[in-house]
Amino acid sequence: MNSEFERDFQALLEKTAELLTGDSSAEMADKVKVWAVYNHIHKSMPALTKHWNQVHPDSQLEMRRIFEEIHDLNQALKDQPKP
């Protein structure tokens, strides 16, 4: 991949993170990337994620924590009064 594409894609991730959570930091963009990839795999290959969860229970807990964090931040963003 070329560096221009990587920069542009990182900007897309940061904007997605901002719209989902209100936080556009690189750390939150990384969490959103993990969340999105796992969510896609879970929907398209549920047996794979079931197997992965069984083999990696500690990582499954971390994934759950990331999902809950993104969900909670998104809910808080939605609950803010509109100007």
PDB file of N, CA and C in Angstrom:
ATOM      1  N   MET A   1       0.847  -1.182   0.000  1.00  0.00           N
ATOM      2  CA  MET A   1       0.000   0.000   0.000  1.00  0.00           C
ATOM      3  C   MET A   1       0.888   1.239   0.000  1.00  0.00           C
ATOM      4  N   ASN A   2       0.429   2.242  -0.689  1.00  0.00           N
ATOM      5  CA  ASN A   2       1.232   3.460  -0.717  1.00  0.00           C
ATOM      6  C   ASN A   2       0.871   4.365   0.459  1.00  0.00           C
ATOM      7  N   SER A   3       1.784   5.255   0.771  1.00  0.00           N
ATOM      8  CA  SER A   3       1.620   6.084   1.966  1.00  0.00           C
ATOM      9  C   SER A   3       0.452   7.060   1.850  1.00  0.00           C
ATOM     10  N   GLU A   4       0.148   7.519   0.654  1.00  0.00           N
ATOM     11  CA  GLU A   4      -0.997   8.421   0.492  1.00  0.00           C
ATOM     12  C   GLU A   4      -2.293   7.702   0.842  1.00  0.00           C
ATOM     13  N   PHE A   5      -2.438   6.477   0.344  1.00  0.00           N
ATOM     14  CA  PHE A   5      -3.628   5.690   0.675  1.00  0.00           C
ATOM     15  C   PHE A   5      -3.719   5.458   2.180  1.00  0.00           C
ATOM     16  N   GLU A   6      -2.595   5.084   2.800  1.00  0.00           N
ATOM     17  CA  GLU A   6      -2.598   4.830   4.245  1.00  0.00           C
ATOM     18  C   GLU A   6      -3.020   6.079   5.020  1.00  0.00           C
ATOM     19  N   ARG A   7      -2.525   7.246   4.622  1.00  0.00           N
ATOM     20  CA  ARG A   7      -2.907   8.508   5.259  1.00  0.00           C
ATOM     21  C   ARG A   7      -4.401   8.773   5.079  1.00  0.00           C
ATOM     22  N   ASP A   8      -4.878   8.595   3.856  1.00  0.00           N
ATOM     23  CA  ASP A   8      -6.291   8.835   3.568  1.00  0.00           C
ATOM     24  C   ASP A   8      -7.184   7.874   4.338  1.00  0.00           C
ATOM     25  N   PHE A   9      -6.775   6.612   4.406  1.00  0.00           N
ATOM     26  CA  PHE A   9      -7.577   5.620   5.123  1.00  0.00           C
ATOM     27  C   PHE A   9      -7.571   5.912   6.620  1.00  0.00           C
ATOM     28  N   GLN A  10      -6.432   6.339   7.154  1.00  0.00           N
ATOM     29  CA  GLN A  10      -6.364   6.702   8.572  1.00  0.00           C
ATOM     30  C   GLN A  10      -7.303   7.875   8.859  1.00  0.00           C
ATOM     31  N   ALA A  11      -7.369   8.819   7.946  1.00  0.00           N
ATOM     32  CA  ALA A  11      -8.291   9.948   8.110  1.00  0.00           C
ATOM     33  C   ALA A  11      -9.740   9.458   8.114  1.00  0.00           C
ATOM     34  N   LEU A  12     -10.051   8.498   7.258  1.00  0.00           N
ATOM     35  CA  LEU A  12     -11.393   7.911   7.234  1.00  0.00           C
ATOM     36  C   LEU A  12     -11.702   7.235   8.564  1.00  0.00           C
ATOM     37  N   LEU A  13     -10.745   6.472   9.098  1.00  0.00           N
ATOM     38  CA  LEU A  13     -10.947   5.811  10.388  1.00  0.00           C
ATOM     39  C   LEU A  13     -11.159   6.832  11.506  1.00  0.00           C
ATOM     40  N   GLU A  14     -10.361   7.882  11.500  1.00  0.00           N
ATOM     41  CA  GLU A  14     -10.486   8.897  12.545  1.00  0.00           C
ATOM     42  C   GLU A  14     -11.841   9.598  12.470  1.00  0.00           C
ATOM     43  N   LYS A  15     -12.327   9.877  11.259  1.00  0.00           N
ATOM     44  CA  LYS A  15     -13.647  10.508  11.113  1.00  0.00           C
ATOM     45  C   LYS A  15     -14.748   9.555  11.552  1.00  0.00           C
ATOM     46  N   THR A  16     -14.611   8.279  11.203  1.00  0.00           N
ATOM     47  CA  THR A  16     -15.585   7.281  11.635  1.00  0.00           C
ATOM     48  C   THR A  16     -15.613   7.195  13.151  1.00  0.00           C
ATOM     49  N   ALA A  17     -14.431   7.164  13.766  1.00  0.00           N
ATOM     50  CA  ALA A  17     -14.350   7.120  15.225  1.00  0.00           C
ATOM     51  C   ALA A  17     -15.022   8.342  15.837  1.00  0.00           C
ATOM     52  N   GLU A  18     -14.774   9.508  15.246  1.00  0.00           N
ATOM     53  CA  GLU A  18     -15.388  10.740  15.766  1.00  0.00           C
ATOM     54  C   GLU A  18     -16.907  10.687  15.675  1.00  0.00           C
ATOM     55  N   LEU A  19     -17.430  10.226  14.540  1.00  0.00           N
ATOM     56  CA  LEU A  19     -18.877  10.167  14.364  1.00  0.00           C
ATOM     57  C   LEU A  19     -19.522   9.118  15.261  1.00  0.00           C
ATOM     58  N   LEU A  20     -18.809   8.018  15.533  1.00  0.00           N
ATOM     59  CA  LEU A  20     -19.339   6.960  16.394  1.00  0.00           C
ATOM     60  C   LEU A  20     -19.235   7.288  17.871  1.00  0.00           C
ATOM     61  N   THR A  21     -18.109   7.909  18.266  1.00  0.00           N
ATOM     62  CA  THR A  21     -17.809   8.030  19.690  1.00  0.00           C
ATOM     63  C   THR A  21     -17.577   9.455  20.169  1.00  0.00           C
ATOM     64  N   GLY A  22     -17.370  10.381  19.247  1.00  0.00           N
ATOM     65  CA  GLY A  22     -17.013  11.729  19.626  1.00  0.00           C
ATOM     66  C   GLY A  22     -15.525  11.904  19.859  1.00  0.00           C
ATOM     67  N   ASP A  23     -14.734  10.871  19.609  1.00  0.00           N
ATOM     68  CA  ASP A  23     -13.283  10.876  19.845  1.00  0.00           C
ATOM     69  C   ASP A  23     -12.586  10.479  18.554  1.00  0.00           C
ATOM     70  N   SER A  24     -11.766  11.367  18.010  1.00  0.00           N
ATOM     71  CA  SER A  24     -11.092  11.076  16.744  1.00  0.00           C
ATOM     72  C   SER A  24      -9.612  10.742  16.936  1.00  0.00           C
ATOM     73  N   SER A  25      -9.216  10.394  18.149  1.00  0.00           N
ATOM     74  CA  SER A  25      -7.804  10.089  18.415  1.00  0.00           C
ATOM     75  C   SER A  25      -7.371   8.831  17.658  1.00  0.00           C
ATOM     76  N   ALA A  26      -6.067   8.706  17.474  1.00  0.00           N
ATOM     77  CA  ALA A  26      -5.526   7.529  16.791  1.00  0.00           C
ATOM     78  C   ALA A  26      -5.860   6.260  17.570  1.00  0.00           C
ATOM     79  N   GLU A  27      -5.842   6.343  18.898  1.00  0.00           N
ATOM     80  CA  GLU A  27      -6.171   5.164  19.723  1.00  0.00           C
ATOM     81  C   GLU A  27      -7.616   4.728  19.494  1.00  0.00           C
ATOM     82  N   MET A  28      -8.541   5.689  19.467  1.00  0.00           N
ATOM     83  CA  MET A  28      -9.941   5.339  19.238  1.00  0.00           C
ATOM     84  C   MET A  28     -10.140   4.836  17.814  1.00  0.00           C
ATOM     85  N   ALA A  29      -9.426   5.410  16.848  1.00  0.00           N
ATOM     86  CA  ALA A  29      -9.519   4.924  15.467  1.00  0.00           C
ATOM     87  C   ALA A  29      -9.062   3.469  15.390  1.00  0.00           C
ATOM     88  N   ASP A  30      -8.022   3.109  16.139  1.00  0.00           N
ATOM     89  CA  ASP A  30      -7.572   1.714  16.165  1.00  0.00           C
ATOM     90  C   ASP A  30      -8.637   0.806  16.777  1.00  0.00           C
ATOM     91  N   LYS A  31      -9.279   1.273  17.835  1.00  0.00           N
ATOM     92  CA  LYS A  31     -10.354   0.470  18.451  1.00  0.00           C
ATOM     93  C   LYS A  31     -11.515   0.287  17.482  1.00  0.00           C
ATOM     94  N   VAL A  32     -11.863   1.353  16.766  1.00  0.00           N
ATOM     95  CA  VAL A  32     -12.957   1.266  15.793  1.00  0.00           C
ATOM     96  C   VAL A  32     -12.584   0.301  14.666  1.00  0.00           C
ATOM     97  N   LYS A  33     -11.327   0.310  14.256  1.00  0.00           N
ATOM     98  CA  LYS A  33     -10.882  -0.620  13.207  1.00  0.00           C
ATOM     99  C   LYS A  33     -11.025  -2.067  13.690  1.00  0.00           C
ATOM    100  N   VAL A  34     -10.587  -2.348  14.914  1.00  0.00           N
ATOM    101  CA  VAL A  34     -10.720  -3.692  15.480  1.00  0.00           C
ATOM    102  C   VAL A  34     -12.190  -4.064  15.587  1.00  0.00           C
ATOM    103  N   TRP A  35     -12.998  -3.137  16.089  1.00  0.00           N
ATOM    104  CA  TRP A  35     -14.439  -3.360  16.240  1.00  0.00           C
ATOM    105  C   TRP A  35     -15.092  -3.686  14.892  1.00  0.00           C
ATOM    106  N   ALA A  36     -14.748  -2.906  13.869  1.00  0.00           N
ATOM    107  CA  ALA A  36     -15.365  -3.088  12.555  1.00  0.00           C
ATOM    108  C   ALA A  36     -14.946  -4.409  11.911  1.00  0.00           C
ATOM    109  N   VAL A  37     -13.672  -4.744  12.008  1.00  0.00           N
ATOM    110  CA  VAL A  37     -13.196  -5.998  11.407  1.00  0.00           C
ATOM    111  C   VAL A  37     -13.816  -7.193  12.128  1.00  0.00           C
ATOM    112  N   TYR A  38     -13.797  -7.174  13.457  1.00  0.00           N
ATOM    113  CA  TYR A  38     -14.375  -8.289  14.210  1.00  0.00           C
ATOM    114  C   TYR A  38     -15.867  -8.402  13.907  1.00  0.00           C
ATOM    115  N   ASN A  39     -16.562  -7.281  13.885  1.00  0.00           N
ATOM    116  CA  ASN A  39     -17.997  -7.289  13.601  1.00  0.00           C
ATOM    117  C   ASN A  39     -18.280  -7.894  12.226  1.00  0.00           C
ATOM    118  N   HIS A  40     -17.469  -7.532  11.245  1.00  0.00           N
ATOM    119  CA  HIS A  40     -17.643  -8.086   9.900  1.00  0.00           C
ATOM    120  C   HIS A  40     -17.383  -9.601   9.891  1.00  0.00           C
ATOM    121  N   ILE A  41     -16.307 -10.016  10.530  1.00  0.00           N
ATOM    122  CA  ILE A  41     -15.994 -11.454  10.577  1.00  0.00           C
ATOM    123  C   ILE A  41     -17.105 -12.203  11.303  1.00  0.00           C
ATOM    124  N   HIS A  42     -17.577 -11.642  12.411  1.00  0.00           N
ATOM    125  CA  HIS A  42     -18.633 -12.305  13.188  1.00  0.00           C
ATOM    126  C   HIS A  42     -19.906 -12.476  12.358  1.00  0.00           C
ATOM    127  N   LYS A  43     -20.236 -11.479  11.542  1.00  0.00           N
ATOM    128  CA  LYS A  43     -21.449 -11.571  10.724  1.00  0.00           C
ATOM    129  C   LYS A  43     -21.261 -12.487   9.516  1.00  0.00           C
ATOM    130  N   SER A  44     -20.072 -12.505   8.935  1.00  0.00           N
ATOM    131  CA  SER A  44     -19.874 -13.291   7.719  1.00  0.00           C
ATOM    132  C   SER A  44     -19.363 -14.714   7.996  1.00  0.00           C
ATOM    133  N   MET A  45     -18.685 -14.908   9.112  1.00  0.00           N
ATOM    134  CA  MET A  45     -18.152 -16.232   9.463  1.00  0.00           C
ATOM    135  C   MET A  45     -18.317 -16.483  10.966  1.00  0.00           C
ATOM    136  N   PRO A  46     -19.558 -16.614  11.438  1.00  0.00           N
ATOM    137  CA  PRO A  46     -19.772 -16.744  12.883  1.00  0.00           C
ATOM    138  C   PRO A  46     -19.065 -17.938  13.515  1.00  0.00           C
ATOM    139  N   ALA A  47     -18.917 -19.020  12.784  1.00  0.00           N
ATOM    140  CA  ALA A  47     -18.226 -20.184  13.350  1.00  0.00           C
ATOM    141  C   ALA A  47     -16.764 -19.857  13.662  1.00  0.00           C
ATOM    142  N   LEU A  48     -16.156 -19.033  12.829  1.00  0.00           N
ATOM    143  CA  LEU A  48     -14.764 -18.650  13.067  1.00  0.00           C
ATOM    144  C   LEU A  48     -14.640 -17.834  14.351  1.00  0.00           C
ATOM    145  N   THR A  49     -15.518 -16.858  14.544  1.00  0.00           N
ATOM    146  CA  THR A  49     -15.422 -16.062  15.767  1.00  0.00           C
ATOM    147  C   THR A  49     -15.782 -16.892  16.992  1.00  0.00           C
ATOM    148  N   LYS A  50     -16.703 -17.831  16.858  1.00  0.00           N
ATOM    149  CA  LYS A  50     -17.030 -18.717  17.984  1.00  0.00           C
ATOM    150  C   LYS A  50     -15.802 -19.531  18.371  1.00  0.00           C
ATOM    151  N   HIS A  51     -15.136 -20.086  17.388  1.00  0.00           N
ATOM    152  CA  HIS A  51     -13.915 -20.856  17.643  1.00  0.00           C
ATOM    153  C   HIS A  51     -12.842 -19.968  18.273  1.00  0.00           C
ATOM    154  N   TRP A  52     -12.629 -18.796  17.714  1.00  0.00           N
ATOM    155  CA  TRP A  52     -11.616 -17.873  18.228  1.00  0.00           C
ATOM    156  C   TRP A  52     -11.907 -17.499  19.683  1.00  0.00           C
ATOM    157  N   ASN A  53     -13.178 -17.226  19.981  1.00  0.00           N
ATOM    158  CA  ASN A  53     -13.568 -16.877  21.345  1.00  0.00           C
ATOM    159  C   ASN A  53     -13.263 -18.014  22.317  1.00  0.00           C
ATOM    160  N   GLN A  54     -13.472 -19.251  21.879  1.00  0.00           N
ATOM    161  CA  GLN A  54     -13.204 -20.402  22.739  1.00  0.00           C
ATOM    162  C   GLN A  54     -11.709 -20.605  22.959  1.00  0.00           C
ATOM    163  N   VAL A  55     -10.926 -20.385  21.929  1.00  0.00           N
ATOM    164  CA  VAL A  55      -9.475 -20.592  22.011  1.00  0.00           C
ATOM    165  C   VAL A  55      -8.786 -19.434  22.740  1.00  0.00           C
ATOM    166  N   HIS A  56      -9.358 -18.250  22.639  1.00  0.00           N
ATOM    167  CA  HIS A  56      -8.736 -17.043  23.207  1.00  0.00           C
ATOM    168  C   HIS A  56      -9.706 -16.324  24.145  1.00  0.00           C
ATOM    169  N   PRO A  57     -10.032 -16.911  25.293  1.00  0.00           N
ATOM    170  CA  PRO A  57     -11.035 -16.294  26.173  1.00  0.00           C
ATOM    171  C   PRO A  57     -10.610 -14.929  26.710  1.00  0.00           C
ATOM    172  N   ASP A  58      -9.330 -14.709  26.969  1.00  0.00           N
ATOM    173  CA  ASP A  58      -8.885 -13.399  27.453  1.00  0.00           C
ATOM    174  C   ASP A  58      -9.046 -12.333  26.371  1.00  0.00           C
ATOM    175  N   SER A  59      -8.748 -12.697  25.140  1.00  0.00           N
ATOM    176  CA  SER A  59      -8.920 -11.760  24.032  1.00  0.00           C
ATOM    177  C   SER A  59     -10.397 -11.496  23.770  1.00  0.00           C
ATOM    178  N   GLN A  60     -11.221 -12.508  23.980  1.00  0.00           N
ATOM    179  CA  GLN A  60     -12.661 -12.316  23.836  1.00  0.00           C
ATOM    180  C   GLN A  60     -13.151 -11.280  24.855  1.00  0.00           C
ATOM    181  N   LEU A  61     -12.626 -11.335  26.074  1.00  0.00           N
ATOM    182  CA  LEU A  61     -13.007 -10.348  27.084  1.00  0.00           C
ATOM    183  C   LEU A  61     -12.574  -8.942  26.675  1.00  0.00           C
ATOM    184  N   GLU A  62     -11.376  -8.830  26.112  1.00  0.00           N
ATOM    185  CA  GLU A  62     -10.902  -7.528  25.633  1.00  0.00           C
ATOM    186  C   GLU A  62     -11.777  -7.025  24.484  1.00  0.00           C
ATOM    187  N   MET A  63     -12.171  -7.931  23.593  1.00  0.00           N
ATOM    188  CA  MET A  63     -13.051  -7.553  22.484  1.00  0.00           C
ATOM    189  C   MET A  63     -14.386  -7.060  23.035  1.00  0.00           C
ATOM    190  N   ARG A  64     -14.913  -7.747  24.018  1.00  0.00           N
ATOM    191  CA  ARG A  64     -16.174  -7.343  24.637  1.00  0.00           C
ATOM    192  C   ARG A  64     -16.022  -5.944  25.252  1.00  0.00           C
ATOM    193  N   ARG A  65     -14.877  -5.688  25.904  1.00  0.00           N
ATOM    194  CA  ARG A  65     -14.628  -4.388  26.521  1.00  0.00           C
ATOM    195  C   ARG A  65     -14.615  -3.284  25.461  1.00  0.00           C
ATOM    196  N   ILE A  66     -13.969  -3.560  24.314  1.00  0.00           N
ATOM    197  CA  ILE A  66     -13.923  -2.586  23.218  1.00  0.00           C
ATOM    198  C   ILE A  66     -15.332  -2.331  22.680  1.00  0.00           C
ATOM    199  N   PHE A  67     -16.108  -3.402  22.473  1.00  0.00           N
ATOM    200  CA  PHE A  67     -17.480  -3.248  21.977  1.00  0.00           C
ATOM    201  C   PHE A  67     -18.301  -2.398  22.937  1.00  0.00           C
ATOM    202  N   GLU A  68     -18.185  -2.687  24.252  1.00  0.00           N
ATOM    203  CA  GLU A  68     -18.963  -1.946  25.245  1.00  0.00           C
ATOM    204  C   GLU A  68     -18.526  -0.479  25.308  1.00  0.00           C
ATOM    205  N   GLU A  69     -17.228  -0.230  25.217  1.00  0.00           N
ATOM    206  CA  GLU A  69     -16.737   1.144  25.238  1.00  0.00           C
ATOM    207  C   GLU A  69     -17.283   1.933  24.054  1.00  0.00           C
ATOM    208  N   ILE A  70     -17.214   1.361  22.859  1.00  0.00           N
ATOM    209  CA  ILE A  70     -17.723   2.047  21.671  1.00  0.00           C
ATOM    210  C   ILE A  70     -19.234   2.248  21.776  1.00  0.00           C
ATOM    211  N   HIS A  71     -19.932   1.238  22.241  1.00  0.00           N
ATOM    212  CA  HIS A  71     -21.383   1.343  22.410  1.00  0.00           C
ATOM    213  C   HIS A  71     -21.734   2.450  23.402  1.00  0.00           C
ATOM    214  N   ASP A  72     -21.065   2.462  24.550  1.00  0.00           N
ATOM    215  CA  ASP A  72     -21.366   3.459  25.578  1.00  0.00           C
ATOM    216  C   ASP A  72     -21.065   4.879  25.095  1.00  0.00           C
ATOM    217  N   LEU A  73     -19.923   5.051  24.421  1.00  0.00           N
ATOM    218  CA  LEU A  73     -19.579   6.373  23.895  1.00  0.00           C
ATOM    219  C   LEU A  73     -20.575   6.813  22.824  1.00  0.00           C
ATOM    220  N   ASN A  74     -20.990   5.874  21.977  1.00  0.00           N
ATOM    221  CA  ASN A  74     -21.964   6.192  20.929  1.00  0.00           C
ATOM    222  C   ASN A  74     -23.302   6.582  21.545  1.00  0.00           C
ATOM    223  N   GLN A  75     -23.712   5.847  22.569  1.00  0.00           N
ATOM    224  CA  GLN A  75     -24.982   6.159  23.228  1.00  0.00           C
ATOM    225  C   GLN A  75     -24.935   7.532  23.898  1.00  0.00           C
ATOM    226  N   ALA A  76     -23.806   7.847  24.548  1.00  0.00           N
ATOM    227  CA  ALA A  76     -23.656   9.149  25.181  1.00  0.00           C
ATOM    228  C   ALA A  76     -23.695  10.268  24.143  1.00  0.00           C
ATOM    229  N   LEU A  77     -23.094  10.019  22.986  1.00  0.00           N
ATOM    230  CA  LEU A  77     -23.108  11.004  21.912  1.00  0.00           C
ATOM    231  C   LEU A  77     -24.530  11.221  21.402  1.00  0.00           C
ATOM    232  N   LYS A  78     -25.289  10.144  21.258  1.00  0.00           N
ATOM    233  CA  LYS A  78     -26.676  10.256  20.796  1.00  0.00           C
ATOM    234  C   LYS A  78     -27.563  10.953  21.812  1.00  0.00           C
ATOM    235  N   ASP A  79     -27.243  10.789  23.102  1.00  0.00           N
ATOM    236  CA  ASP A  79     -28.069  11.370  24.165  1.00  0.00           C
ATOM    237  C   ASP A  79     -27.798  12.843  24.394  1.00  0.00           C
ATOM    238  N   GLN A  80     -26.749  13.396  23.786  1.00  0.00           N
ATOM    239  CA  GLN A  80     -26.453  14.817  23.945  1.00  0.00           C
ATOM    240  C   GLN A  80     -27.543  15.638  23.261  1.00  0.00           C
ATOM    241  N   PRO A  81     -27.954  16.724  23.905  1.00  0.00           N
ATOM    242  CA  PRO A  81     -28.981  17.569  23.273  1.00  0.00           C
ATOM    243  C   PRO A  81     -28.454  18.211  21.993  1.00  0.00           C
ATOM    244  N   LYS A  82     -29.285  18.287  21.019  1.00  0.00           N
ATOM    245  CA  LYS A  82     -28.943  18.909  19.740  1.00  0.00           C
ATOM    246  C   LYS A  82     -28.989  20.431  19.879  1.00  0.00           C
ATOM    247  N   PRO A  83     -28.018  21.136  19.310  1.00  0.00           N
ATOM    248  CA  PRO A  83     -28.023  22.615  19.407  1.00  0.00           C
ATOM    249  C   PRO A  83     -29.096  23.240  18.542  1.00  0.00           C
TER     250      PRO A  83
END
